[in-house]
Protein backbone atom coordinates (compact mmCIF):
# COMPACT_ATOMS: atom_id res chain seq x y z
CA MET A 1 -83.95 -125.01 53.99
CA ASN A 2 -84.38 -121.22 53.77
CA ARG A 3 -86.26 -119.31 51.06
CA ARG A 4 -83.11 -118.57 48.98
CA THR A 5 -81.96 -122.21 49.03
CA ALA A 6 -85.43 -123.38 48.09
CA LEU A 7 -85.49 -121.00 45.14
CA LYS A 8 -82.14 -122.31 43.88
CA SER A 9 -83.48 -125.87 44.12
CA ILE A 10 -86.53 -124.96 42.07
CA ILE A 11 -84.38 -123.33 39.36
CA ALA A 12 -82.07 -126.33 39.26
CA GLY A 13 -85.04 -128.64 39.05
CA GLY A 14 -86.41 -126.63 36.10
CA ALA A 15 -83.10 -126.97 34.28
CA ALA A 16 -83.09 -130.70 34.87
CA LEU A 17 -86.56 -130.96 33.35
CA SER A 18 -85.35 -129.14 30.25
CA VAL A 19 -82.38 -131.47 29.90
CA GLY A 20 -84.75 -134.41 30.23
CA SER A 21 -86.67 -133.21 27.17
CA ILE A 22 -89.97 -132.82 29.10
CA ASN A 23 -91.52 -129.90 27.25
CA ALA A 24 -94.23 -127.52 28.47
CA GLU A 25 -96.92 -129.13 26.34
CA THR A 26 -96.29 -132.55 27.92
CA LEU A 27 -96.52 -131.04 31.38
CA LYS A 28 -99.72 -129.23 30.46
CA LYS A 29 -101.30 -132.48 29.27
CA LYS A 30 -100.36 -134.19 32.50
CA VAL A 31 -101.92 -131.42 34.53
CA VAL A 32 -105.24 -131.28 32.67
CA THR A 33 -105.79 -135.04 32.41
CA PRO A 34 -108.55 -135.76 34.97
CA GLU A 35 -108.17 -138.43 37.57
CA PRO A 36 -110.16 -141.59 36.75
CA LEU A 37 -113.40 -142.09 38.66
CA LYS A 38 -113.18 -144.19 41.81
CA GLY A 39 -115.71 -146.78 40.67
CA ASN A 40 -117.76 -146.93 43.88
CA ILE A 41 -120.77 -145.32 42.19
CA HIS A 42 -122.30 -146.43 38.90
CA HIS A 43 -122.96 -143.11 37.17
CA SER A 44 -125.87 -142.37 34.85
CA VAL A 45 -127.47 -139.22 33.44
CA SER A 46 -130.95 -138.28 32.25
CA LYS A 47 -130.77 -137.20 28.62
CA TRP A 48 -133.75 -134.83 28.84
CA CYS A 49 -131.69 -132.43 30.97
CA PHE A 50 -129.26 -132.02 28.02
CA GLY A 51 -131.78 -132.07 25.20
CA SER A 52 -129.86 -130.01 22.66
CA TYR A 53 -127.16 -132.65 22.17
CA PRO A 54 -127.67 -135.42 19.60
CA LEU A 55 -127.86 -138.71 21.46
CA ASP A 56 -124.83 -140.33 19.82
CA GLU A 57 -122.69 -137.25 20.48
CA PHE A 58 -123.93 -137.08 24.06
CA CYS A 59 -122.99 -140.74 24.57
CA ASP A 60 -119.42 -140.01 23.42
CA ILE A 61 -119.22 -137.12 25.90
CA CYS A 62 -120.52 -139.31 28.72
CA LYS A 63 -117.97 -142.04 27.99
CA LYS A 64 -115.13 -139.56 28.23
CA ILE A 65 -116.40 -138.38 31.62
CA GLY A 66 -116.74 -141.96 32.88
CA ILE A 67 -120.54 -142.15 32.87
CA GLU A 68 -121.82 -145.67 32.19
CA SER A 69 -125.46 -144.98 31.31
CA VAL A 70 -127.76 -142.53 29.55
CA GLU A 71 -131.29 -142.99 30.80
CA LEU A 72 -134.99 -142.23 30.49
CA LEU A 73 -134.94 -143.14 26.81
CA ASN A 74 -137.54 -144.77 24.59
CA PRO A 75 -137.08 -148.13 22.82
CA ASP A 76 -136.01 -146.56 19.52
CA GLU A 77 -133.08 -144.88 21.32
CA TRP A 78 -131.69 -147.84 23.26
CA LYS A 79 -129.62 -149.25 20.40
CA THR A 80 -127.74 -145.98 19.91
CA VAL A 81 -126.66 -146.05 23.54
CA LYS A 82 -125.76 -149.74 23.50
CA ASP A 83 -123.74 -149.31 20.29
CA LYS A 84 -121.66 -146.69 22.09
CA GLY A 85 -120.76 -149.19 24.82
CA LEU A 86 -123.12 -147.69 27.41
CA THR A 87 -126.34 -148.91 28.97
CA VAL A 88 -129.77 -147.45 29.73
CA ALA A 89 -130.06 -147.77 33.50
CA MET A 90 -133.69 -146.65 33.52
CA ALA A 91 -135.78 -147.31 30.42
CA GLN A 92 -139.10 -145.76 29.53
CA GLY A 93 -141.63 -146.34 26.79
CA ALA A 94 -144.57 -148.03 28.51
CA GLY A 95 -147.51 -146.61 30.40
CA LEU A 96 -149.65 -143.49 30.21
CA GLY A 97 -147.41 -140.89 31.82
CA ILE A 98 -146.94 -139.56 35.33
CA ASP A 99 -150.53 -138.48 35.99
CA ARG A 100 -152.28 -141.67 34.80
CA GLY A 101 -150.91 -144.64 36.68
CA PHE A 102 -151.65 -147.86 38.49
CA ASN A 103 -153.76 -146.32 41.27
CA ASP A 104 -156.63 -145.98 38.76
CA PRO A 105 -158.28 -149.38 38.16
CA SER A 106 -160.01 -148.09 35.03
CA LEU A 107 -156.56 -147.82 33.41
CA HIS A 108 -155.28 -151.26 34.41
CA ASP A 109 -156.12 -153.09 31.19
CA GLU A 110 -154.46 -150.40 29.06
CA LEU A 111 -151.42 -150.19 31.35
CA VAL A 112 -150.97 -153.94 31.51
CA ALA A 113 -151.15 -154.24 27.72
CA SER A 114 -148.56 -151.49 27.33
CA TYR A 115 -146.11 -153.00 29.81
CA GLU A 116 -146.61 -156.53 28.48
CA LYS A 117 -145.48 -155.23 25.09
CA VAL A 118 -142.43 -153.33 26.34
CA ILE A 119 -141.10 -155.69 29.04
CA PRO A 120 -139.80 -158.28 26.52
CA MET A 121 -138.21 -155.44 24.54
CA VAL A 122 -136.35 -154.30 27.65
CA ALA A 123 -135.02 -157.80 28.20
CA GLU A 124 -134.07 -158.26 24.54
CA ALA A 125 -132.04 -155.03 24.71
CA GLY A 126 -130.15 -156.36 27.74
CA LEU A 127 -131.68 -153.79 30.09
CA THR A 128 -133.28 -154.23 33.51
CA ASN A 129 -135.24 -151.26 34.89
CA LEU A 130 -138.49 -149.95 33.39
CA ILE A 131 -140.13 -146.90 34.93
CA CYS A 132 -143.74 -146.72 36.09
CA PHE A 133 -145.92 -144.30 38.08
CA SER A 134 -148.67 -144.30 40.67
CA GLY A 135 -150.69 -141.53 39.01
CA LYS A 136 -152.50 -138.65 40.65
CA ARG A 137 -154.29 -139.26 43.92
CA ASN A 138 -157.63 -137.84 42.72
CA GLY A 139 -159.19 -138.13 46.18
CA LEU A 140 -157.92 -141.65 46.93
CA THR A 141 -156.79 -142.51 50.44
CA ASP A 142 -153.36 -144.07 50.94
CA LEU A 143 -155.03 -147.44 51.48
CA GLN A 144 -157.08 -147.20 48.29
CA GLY A 145 -153.97 -146.19 46.34
CA TRP A 146 -152.01 -149.14 47.69
CA GLU A 147 -154.80 -151.60 46.96
CA ASN A 148 -155.37 -150.33 43.41
CA CYS A 149 -151.66 -150.26 42.53
CA GLU A 150 -151.19 -153.71 44.02
CA LYS A 151 -153.97 -155.19 41.90
CA GLY A 152 -152.66 -153.70 38.68
CA LEU A 153 -148.98 -154.35 39.23
CA LYS A 154 -149.43 -157.93 40.41
CA ARG A 155 -150.89 -158.72 37.00
CA LEU A 156 -147.48 -157.82 35.56
CA MET A 157 -145.22 -159.59 38.04
CA PRO A 158 -145.25 -162.98 36.22
CA ILE A 159 -143.99 -161.47 32.96
CA ALA A 160 -141.57 -159.13 34.77
CA GLU A 161 -140.12 -162.09 36.67
CA LYS A 162 -139.98 -164.22 33.50
CA TYR A 163 -137.90 -161.59 31.69
CA ASN A 164 -136.01 -160.39 34.77
CA VAL A 165 -137.24 -156.82 34.33
CA VAL A 166 -137.74 -154.59 37.38
CA LEU A 167 -140.78 -152.31 37.23
CA THR A 168 -139.63 -149.23 39.08
CA MET A 169 -142.08 -146.69 40.49
CA GLU A 170 -140.68 -143.19 40.82
CA LEU A 171 -141.05 -141.25 44.03
CA LEU A 172 -142.02 -137.68 43.05
CA ASN A 173 -142.94 -134.60 45.04
CA SER A 174 -146.64 -133.74 44.92
CA VAL A 175 -145.97 -129.99 44.95
CA GLY A 176 -144.48 -129.67 41.47
CA HIS A 177 -146.25 -132.83 40.31
CA LYS A 178 -149.45 -131.75 41.95
CA ASP A 179 -151.49 -134.51 43.62
CA TYR A 180 -149.10 -137.34 42.67
CA GLN A 181 -149.71 -140.20 45.10
CA CYS A 182 -146.37 -142.01 45.46
CA ASP A 183 -144.81 -138.95 47.10
CA HIS A 184 -143.23 -140.35 50.28
CA THR A 185 -140.64 -143.09 50.71
CA ILE A 186 -142.75 -145.01 53.21
CA TRP A 187 -145.71 -145.03 50.80
CA GLY A 188 -143.58 -146.63 48.11
CA VAL A 189 -141.97 -149.07 50.54
CA GLU A 190 -145.38 -150.25 51.72
CA LEU A 191 -146.38 -150.88 48.10
CA CYS A 192 -143.19 -152.92 47.58
CA LYS A 193 -144.06 -155.01 50.62
CA ARG A 194 -147.60 -155.59 49.38
CA ILE A 195 -146.45 -156.71 45.93
CA GLY A 196 -143.72 -158.87 47.44
CA SER A 197 -141.60 -159.38 44.33
CA PRO A 198 -137.95 -158.46 43.67
CA ASN A 199 -139.18 -157.28 40.26
CA PHE A 200 -140.96 -154.27 41.71
CA LYS A 201 -138.91 -151.53 43.34
CA LEU A 202 -138.62 -147.76 43.70
CA LEU A 203 -136.77 -144.95 42.00
CA TYR A 204 -135.56 -142.90 44.96
CA ASP A 205 -135.32 -139.32 43.71
CA ILE A 206 -133.32 -137.30 46.23
CA TYR A 207 -134.50 -133.95 44.88
CA HIS A 208 -138.17 -134.89 45.15
CA MET A 209 -137.83 -136.51 48.55
CA GLN A 210 -135.94 -133.54 49.96
CA ILE A 211 -138.99 -131.43 49.10
CA MET A 212 -141.46 -133.88 50.64
CA GLU A 213 -139.70 -135.27 53.71
CA GLY A 214 -135.95 -134.62 53.95
CA ASN A 215 -134.07 -137.12 56.15
CA ILE A 216 -132.31 -138.32 52.99
CA ILE A 217 -129.33 -140.18 54.47
CA GLU A 218 -131.37 -141.98 57.11
CA ASN A 219 -133.94 -143.12 54.54
CA ILE A 220 -131.19 -144.38 52.22
CA ARG A 221 -129.72 -146.38 55.08
CA LYS A 222 -133.11 -147.76 56.11
CA TYR A 223 -134.82 -148.45 52.78
CA ASN A 224 -132.10 -148.89 50.13
CA GLN A 225 -133.06 -152.54 49.57
CA TYR A 226 -136.29 -151.26 47.99
CA PHE A 227 -134.47 -148.99 45.51
CA SER A 228 -133.51 -150.12 42.01
CA HIS A 229 -132.37 -146.64 40.99
CA ILE A 230 -131.48 -143.25 42.50
CA HIS A 231 -131.78 -139.75 41.05
CA THR A 232 -129.96 -136.58 42.06
CA GLY A 233 -130.94 -132.93 41.74
CA GLY A 234 -130.17 -129.71 43.55
CA ASN A 235 -132.79 -128.17 45.80
CA PRO A 236 -134.07 -125.52 45.45
CA GLY A 237 -134.34 -125.17 41.72
CA ARG A 238 -133.32 -128.64 40.50
CA ASN A 239 -130.01 -127.25 39.28
CA GLU A 240 -126.42 -128.26 40.03
CA ILE A 241 -125.79 -130.38 43.13
CA ASP A 242 -123.03 -128.11 44.36
CA GLU A 243 -122.58 -125.46 47.07
CA SER A 244 -125.47 -123.44 45.58
CA GLN A 245 -128.12 -125.62 47.21
CA GLU A 246 -129.08 -127.18 50.53
CA LEU A 247 -128.03 -130.82 50.11
CA TYR A 248 -124.48 -132.04 50.68
CA TYR A 249 -124.09 -134.76 48.08
CA PRO A 250 -120.66 -136.13 49.10
CA ALA A 251 -122.16 -137.26 52.42
CA ILE A 252 -125.27 -138.59 50.68
CA MET A 253 -123.22 -140.59 48.20
CA LYS A 254 -121.05 -141.96 51.00
CA ALA A 255 -124.24 -143.19 52.66
CA VAL A 256 -125.29 -144.78 49.35
CA VAL A 257 -121.98 -146.66 49.08
CA ASP A 258 -121.96 -147.65 52.76
CA SER A 259 -125.53 -148.98 52.50
CA GLY A 260 -124.44 -151.62 49.99
CA TYR A 261 -126.61 -150.23 47.21
CA LYS A 262 -125.28 -151.54 43.87
CA GLY A 263 -127.56 -149.80 41.36
CA PHE A 264 -127.02 -146.66 39.33
CA VAL A 265 -127.11 -143.05 40.47
CA GLY A 266 -128.59 -140.88 37.72
CA GLN A 267 -127.84 -137.17 37.47
CA GLU A 268 -131.19 -135.47 36.82
CA PHE A 269 -130.48 -131.80 37.32
CA VAL A 270 -131.10 -128.97 34.85
CA PRO A 271 -127.77 -127.19 34.31
CA ALA A 272 -127.72 -123.50 35.20
CA MET A 273 -124.09 -123.11 34.12
CA GLU A 274 -123.47 -121.94 30.55
CA ASP A 275 -121.10 -124.86 29.93
CA LYS A 276 -123.50 -127.74 30.48
CA ILE A 277 -120.91 -130.46 29.97
CA ALA A 278 -118.51 -128.89 32.46
CA SER A 279 -121.46 -128.75 34.85
CA LEU A 280 -122.19 -132.44 34.31
CA GLU A 281 -118.58 -133.46 34.89
CA LYS A 282 -118.43 -131.30 38.03
CA CYS A 283 -121.51 -132.98 39.47
CA ILE A 284 -120.25 -136.45 38.60
CA ARG A 285 -117.03 -135.64 40.48
CA ILE A 286 -119.06 -134.43 43.48
CA CYS A 287 -120.79 -137.83 43.59
CA ASP A 288 -117.62 -139.83 42.99
CA VAL A 289 -116.83 -140.77 46.59
């Protein structure tokens, strides 16, 4: 077929469409309707990155995109999310914050009381993961940090196991979160081994671990059984996970799927784009392998 013949075919095809009553608006709708997500990744998003949106409105937006969870929310916010047909893949509301955690024995009684109150609430809401932190190192050796965290967290394992709630310690970089102790994957994995319960795992934050150690795909392959949750984020800057940064998320997400990991992947980047929702949908699509 030469160029002239092809052009005639296109014109004839256009006429046929007109006869078939397929108008321009119908075609436009077909073009702009996004493809459904593949379903290999359970998508979540951290609400704090999109703070200007009311929670109920944000849940509606997430549902349209195909996101299943809005996370890092307090107990008084869980019902709003559940009523919208979504879940909270990582709950918060217990503890004393990032800097004051289980590596400080003087805080154990207060921490245990806080988590004992919130763990049943998590279960009652039909949720599973509840975040926790190591706290700042404050001169502790790795061994001292492990021993202190182990003592405090083991006090909570009976109630966590009773209610089927997973206490999840976040891996954070100790550059931005200066002096934070649980700042390498192997440190967190060793703590998991010491506690020895399926109700204690790690939140593997790709952004933070890229800063501290890199080797993201290999560590996902090797240690995914210790992860109850994963976070994304572009590095440098913690912005979009696109071509503007140094990590290639399609390959990372493929490694997540291939590893057999079944938990959620939470978008935790701070949008640099003016259209924050378009940015969120773009990054979800990047991870939808």
